Amino acid sequence: MRMFVRTTIATAIAAAGIGLAAVPDSAAAQSSNPGCVSPPGMNYMICNGQRVPKPSNRVRNADGSWREESKQGNCIVIREKSATGEFKESRRCD
């Protein structure tokens, strides 16, 4: 009986340790960490050696239309899609 209790406690402690070790990775992936690096032209960042999707700046409306802005060099690319399905892309270089 004593061996069973020790094994159960050791298993519970190990499981808690693994669970706590996974929490900081997921929290770092969701936060906008300034230490993350984004390869040029890619839609992901590298944080702590792991690929993390870039946060999207797409604004969606209730009617299904959306608008997003992204920076490419000195220009800002604006992509819009209307509720009827019409897609429009424009560039603004300042």
N, C-alpha and C. Protein backbone atom coordinates (compact mmCIF):
# COMPACT_ATOMS: atom_id res chain seq x y z
N MET A 1 0.82 -1.19 0.00
CA MET A 1 0.00 0.00 0.00
C MET A 1 0.87 1.25 0.00
N ARG A 2 1.95 1.24 0.76
CA ARG A 2 2.82 2.39 0.87
C ARG A 2 3.45 2.70 -0.51
N MET A 3 3.84 1.69 -1.27
CA MET A 3 4.45 1.87 -2.58
C MET A 3 3.46 2.50 -3.56
N PHE A 4 2.19 2.08 -3.48
CA PHE A 4 1.14 2.61 -4.35
C PHE A 4 0.95 4.10 -4.10
N VAL A 5 0.93 4.53 -2.85
CA VAL A 5 0.73 5.93 -2.50
C VAL A 5 1.90 6.77 -2.99
N ARG A 6 3.14 6.28 -2.81
CA ARG A 6 4.32 7.01 -3.28
C ARG A 6 4.30 7.19 -4.79
N THR A 7 3.93 6.14 -5.50
CA THR A 7 3.89 6.21 -6.96
C THR A 7 2.81 7.18 -7.42
N THR A 8 1.68 7.18 -6.77
CA THR A 8 0.59 8.07 -7.14
C THR A 8 0.98 9.52 -6.89
N ILE A 9 1.61 9.80 -5.77
CA ILE A 9 2.04 11.16 -5.46
C ILE A 9 3.12 11.61 -6.44
N ALA A 10 4.06 10.75 -6.75
CA ALA A 10 5.11 11.11 -7.71
C ALA A 10 4.53 11.39 -9.09
N THR A 11 3.54 10.61 -9.49
CA THR A 11 2.90 10.83 -10.79
C THR A 11 2.15 12.15 -10.81
N ALA A 12 1.46 12.49 -9.73
CA ALA A 12 0.73 13.75 -9.64
C ALA A 12 1.68 14.94 -9.68
N ILE A 13 2.80 14.85 -8.99
CA ILE A 13 3.77 15.95 -8.99
C ILE A 13 4.38 16.12 -10.37
N ALA A 14 4.70 15.02 -11.04
CA ALA A 14 5.28 15.09 -12.39
C ALA A 14 4.28 15.70 -13.36
N ALA A 15 3.01 15.33 -13.27
CA ALA A 15 1.99 15.87 -14.16
C ALA A 15 1.80 17.37 -13.93
N ALA A 16 1.83 17.79 -12.68
CA ALA A 16 1.70 19.22 -12.37
C ALA A 16 2.90 19.99 -12.90
N GLY A 17 4.07 19.42 -12.80
CA GLY A 17 5.27 20.09 -13.31
C GLY A 17 5.23 20.25 -14.82
N ILE A 18 4.76 19.23 -15.52
CA ILE A 18 4.64 19.32 -16.98
C ILE A 18 3.59 20.35 -17.36
N GLY A 19 2.49 20.39 -16.63
CA GLY A 19 1.44 21.37 -16.89
C GLY A 19 1.92 22.79 -16.67
N LEU A 20 2.69 23.01 -15.62
CA LEU A 20 3.20 24.35 -15.36
C LEU A 20 4.27 24.75 -16.37
N ALA A 21 5.02 23.80 -16.88
CA ALA A 21 6.05 24.11 -17.86
C ALA A 21 5.43 24.52 -19.19
N ALA A 22 4.23 24.04 -19.50
CA ALA A 22 3.59 24.36 -20.77
C ALA A 22 2.91 25.72 -20.74
N VAL A 23 2.57 26.24 -19.59
CA VAL A 23 1.85 27.51 -19.49
C VAL A 23 2.67 28.69 -19.99
N PRO A 24 3.93 28.89 -19.64
CA PRO A 24 4.65 30.04 -20.14
C PRO A 24 4.80 30.05 -21.66
N ASP A 25 4.92 28.90 -22.31
CA ASP A 25 5.04 28.88 -23.76
C ASP A 25 3.78 29.38 -24.42
N SER A 26 2.62 28.95 -23.95
CA SER A 26 1.38 29.39 -24.57
C SER A 26 1.12 30.86 -24.26
N ALA A 27 1.51 31.32 -23.08
CA ALA A 27 1.32 32.73 -22.76
C ALA A 27 2.23 33.60 -23.61
N ALA A 28 3.45 33.15 -23.86
CA ALA A 28 4.37 33.92 -24.70
C ALA A 28 3.89 33.96 -26.13
N ALA A 29 3.25 32.90 -26.58
CA ALA A 29 2.77 32.85 -27.96
C ALA A 29 1.61 33.82 -28.17
N GLN A 30 0.81 34.03 -27.16
CA GLN A 30 -0.35 34.88 -27.32
C GLN A 30 -0.04 36.35 -27.08
N SER A 31 0.97 36.66 -26.35
CA SER A 31 1.28 38.06 -26.10
C SER A 31 2.09 38.62 -27.25
N SER A 32 2.02 39.94 -27.41
CA SER A 32 2.82 40.57 -28.45
C SER A 32 4.16 40.94 -27.83
N ASN A 33 5.05 39.99 -27.80
CA ASN A 33 6.35 40.14 -27.19
C ASN A 33 7.28 40.91 -28.12
N PRO A 34 7.89 42.00 -27.66
CA PRO A 34 8.80 42.75 -28.54
C PRO A 34 10.06 41.97 -28.88
N GLY A 35 10.35 40.87 -28.18
CA GLY A 35 11.53 40.06 -28.46
C GLY A 35 11.31 39.08 -29.60
N CYS A 36 10.09 39.02 -30.15
CA CYS A 36 9.80 38.10 -31.24
C CYS A 36 10.32 38.68 -32.55
N VAL A 37 10.77 37.80 -33.43
CA VAL A 37 11.33 38.21 -34.71
C VAL A 37 10.42 37.71 -35.82
N SER A 38 10.16 38.56 -36.79
CA SER A 38 9.32 38.18 -37.92
C SER A 38 10.17 38.17 -39.19
N PRO A 39 10.31 37.01 -39.84
CA PRO A 39 11.05 36.97 -41.10
C PRO A 39 10.35 37.84 -42.14
N PRO A 40 11.10 38.52 -43.02
CA PRO A 40 10.49 39.40 -44.00
C PRO A 40 9.56 38.63 -44.94
N GLY A 41 8.37 39.15 -45.14
CA GLY A 41 7.41 38.56 -46.06
C GLY A 41 6.67 37.36 -45.53
N MET A 42 6.86 36.98 -44.30
CA MET A 42 6.20 35.81 -43.75
C MET A 42 5.05 36.23 -42.83
N ASN A 43 4.09 35.35 -42.65
CA ASN A 43 2.93 35.67 -41.81
C ASN A 43 3.05 35.03 -40.43
N TYR A 44 4.29 34.84 -39.97
CA TYR A 44 4.49 34.29 -38.63
C TYR A 44 5.68 34.98 -37.97
N MET A 45 5.77 34.82 -36.65
CA MET A 45 6.89 35.35 -35.89
C MET A 45 7.60 34.17 -35.24
N ILE A 46 8.84 34.38 -34.84
CA ILE A 46 9.58 33.36 -34.12
C ILE A 46 9.78 33.87 -32.70
N CYS A 47 9.14 33.19 -31.75
CA CYS A 47 9.23 33.53 -30.34
C CYS A 47 9.72 32.30 -29.59
N ASN A 48 10.80 32.45 -28.86
CA ASN A 48 11.38 31.36 -28.07
C ASN A 48 11.66 30.13 -28.94
N GLY A 49 12.06 30.36 -30.19
CA GLY A 49 12.38 29.26 -31.09
C GLY A 49 11.18 28.56 -31.68
N GLN A 50 9.98 29.09 -31.49
CA GLN A 50 8.77 28.47 -32.01
C GLN A 50 8.06 29.42 -32.97
N ARG A 51 7.44 28.86 -34.03
CA ARG A 51 6.67 29.67 -34.96
C ARG A 51 5.32 30.02 -34.35
N VAL A 52 5.01 31.31 -34.37
CA VAL A 52 3.77 31.82 -33.80
C VAL A 52 3.09 32.67 -34.87
N PRO A 53 1.79 32.49 -35.14
CA PRO A 53 1.12 33.32 -36.14
C PRO A 53 1.15 34.79 -35.75
N LYS A 54 1.32 35.66 -36.75
CA LYS A 54 1.29 37.09 -36.48
C LYS A 54 -0.13 37.49 -36.09
N PRO A 55 -0.24 38.43 -35.17
CA PRO A 55 -1.59 38.91 -34.86
C PRO A 55 -2.15 39.65 -36.07
N SER A 56 -3.38 39.38 -36.41
CA SER A 56 -4.00 39.98 -37.58
C SER A 56 -4.59 41.33 -37.21
N ASN A 57 -4.49 42.27 -38.12
CA ASN A 57 -5.12 43.57 -37.90
C ASN A 57 -6.36 43.69 -38.77
N ARG A 58 -6.92 42.55 -39.17
CA ARG A 58 -8.10 42.53 -40.01
C ARG A 58 -9.31 42.92 -39.18
N VAL A 59 -10.08 43.88 -39.69
CA VAL A 59 -11.30 44.32 -39.04
C VAL A 59 -12.47 43.74 -39.81
N ARG A 60 -13.26 42.91 -39.14
CA ARG A 60 -14.40 42.26 -39.79
C ARG A 60 -15.69 42.95 -39.35
N ASN A 61 -16.58 43.11 -40.31
CA ASN A 61 -17.87 43.73 -40.03
C ASN A 61 -18.96 42.66 -39.99
N ALA A 62 -20.10 43.03 -39.46
CA ALA A 62 -21.20 42.08 -39.30
C ALA A 62 -21.74 41.59 -40.64
N ASP A 63 -21.62 42.39 -41.69
CA ASP A 63 -22.16 41.99 -42.99
C ASP A 63 -21.21 41.07 -43.77
N GLY A 64 -20.05 40.74 -43.20
CA GLY A 64 -19.10 39.85 -43.85
C GLY A 64 -17.96 40.56 -44.54
N SER A 65 -18.00 41.87 -44.61
CA SER A 65 -16.90 42.60 -45.23
C SER A 65 -15.75 42.74 -44.24
N TRP A 66 -14.54 42.99 -44.77
CA TRP A 66 -13.38 43.17 -43.90
C TRP A 66 -12.38 44.13 -44.53
N ARG A 67 -11.46 44.64 -43.70
CA ARG A 67 -10.42 45.57 -44.14
C ARG A 67 -9.18 45.30 -43.30
N GLU A 68 -8.02 45.25 -43.96
CA GLU A 68 -6.77 45.08 -43.22
C GLU A 68 -5.67 45.92 -43.84
N GLU A 69 -4.74 46.31 -43.01
CA GLU A 69 -3.57 47.08 -43.45
C GLU A 69 -2.32 46.33 -43.06
N SER A 70 -1.34 46.29 -43.98
CA SER A 70 -0.06 45.68 -43.67
C SER A 70 1.04 46.55 -44.27
N LYS A 71 2.19 46.52 -43.64
CA LYS A 71 3.30 47.35 -44.08
C LYS A 71 4.26 46.51 -44.91
N GLN A 72 4.63 47.03 -46.09
CA GLN A 72 5.62 46.40 -46.96
C GLN A 72 6.64 47.46 -47.34
N GLY A 73 7.78 47.44 -46.67
CA GLY A 73 8.81 48.46 -46.91
C GLY A 73 8.33 49.81 -46.43
N ASN A 74 8.35 50.81 -47.31
CA ASN A 74 7.88 52.15 -46.96
C ASN A 74 6.40 52.34 -47.26
N CYS A 75 5.75 51.34 -47.81
CA CYS A 75 4.36 51.45 -48.23
C CYS A 75 3.43 50.71 -47.26
N ILE A 76 2.19 51.12 -47.28
CA ILE A 76 1.14 50.45 -46.51
C ILE A 76 0.16 49.88 -47.53
N VAL A 77 -0.08 48.58 -47.45
CA VAL A 77 -1.00 47.91 -48.36
C VAL A 77 -2.34 47.77 -47.65
N ILE A 78 -3.39 48.23 -48.31
CA ILE A 78 -4.73 48.17 -47.75
C ILE A 78 -5.53 47.17 -48.57
N ARG A 79 -6.04 46.13 -47.92
CA ARG A 79 -6.86 45.11 -48.59
C ARG A 79 -8.27 45.19 -48.02
N GLU A 80 -9.24 45.25 -48.92
CA GLU A 80 -10.63 45.34 -48.51
C GLU A 80 -11.46 44.34 -49.30
N LYS A 81 -12.44 43.77 -48.65
CA LYS A 81 -13.39 42.90 -49.33
C LYS A 81 -14.78 43.30 -48.88
N SER A 82 -15.64 43.56 -49.84
CA SER A 82 -16.99 44.01 -49.52
C SER A 82 -17.88 42.81 -49.20
N ALA A 83 -19.07 43.10 -48.75
CA ALA A 83 -20.02 42.05 -48.41
C ALA A 83 -20.48 41.30 -49.66
N THR A 84 -20.39 41.93 -50.83
CA THR A 84 -20.80 41.29 -52.07
C THR A 84 -19.69 40.43 -52.67
N GLY A 85 -18.49 40.47 -52.08
CA GLY A 85 -17.38 39.63 -52.55
C GLY A 85 -16.36 40.38 -53.39
N GLU A 86 -16.52 41.68 -53.55
CA GLU A 86 -15.58 42.48 -54.34
C GLU A 86 -14.31 42.73 -53.52
N PHE A 87 -13.16 42.37 -54.09
CA PHE A 87 -11.87 42.53 -53.42
C PHE A 87 -11.14 43.72 -54.01
N LYS A 88 -10.54 44.54 -53.14
CA LYS A 88 -9.80 45.72 -53.59
C LYS A 88 -8.51 45.82 -52.79
N GLU A 89 -7.40 46.05 -53.49
CA GLU A 89 -6.11 46.21 -52.84
C GLU A 89 -5.49 47.51 -53.32
N SER A 90 -5.04 48.34 -52.39
CA SER A 90 -4.42 49.61 -52.76
C SER A 90 -3.16 49.80 -51.91
N ARG A 91 -2.24 50.60 -52.44
CA ARG A 91 -0.98 50.89 -51.74
C ARG A 91 -0.87 52.38 -51.50
N ARG A 92 -0.36 52.71 -50.32
CA ARG A 92 -0.13 54.11 -49.97
C ARG A 92 1.32 54.23 -49.52
N CYS A 93 2.13 54.92 -50.31
CA CYS A 93 3.54 55.10 -49.99
C CYS A 93 3.78 56.54 -49.56
N ASP A 94 4.20 56.72 -48.34
CA ASP A 94 4.44 58.08 -47.81
C ASP A 94 5.89 58.44 -47.92
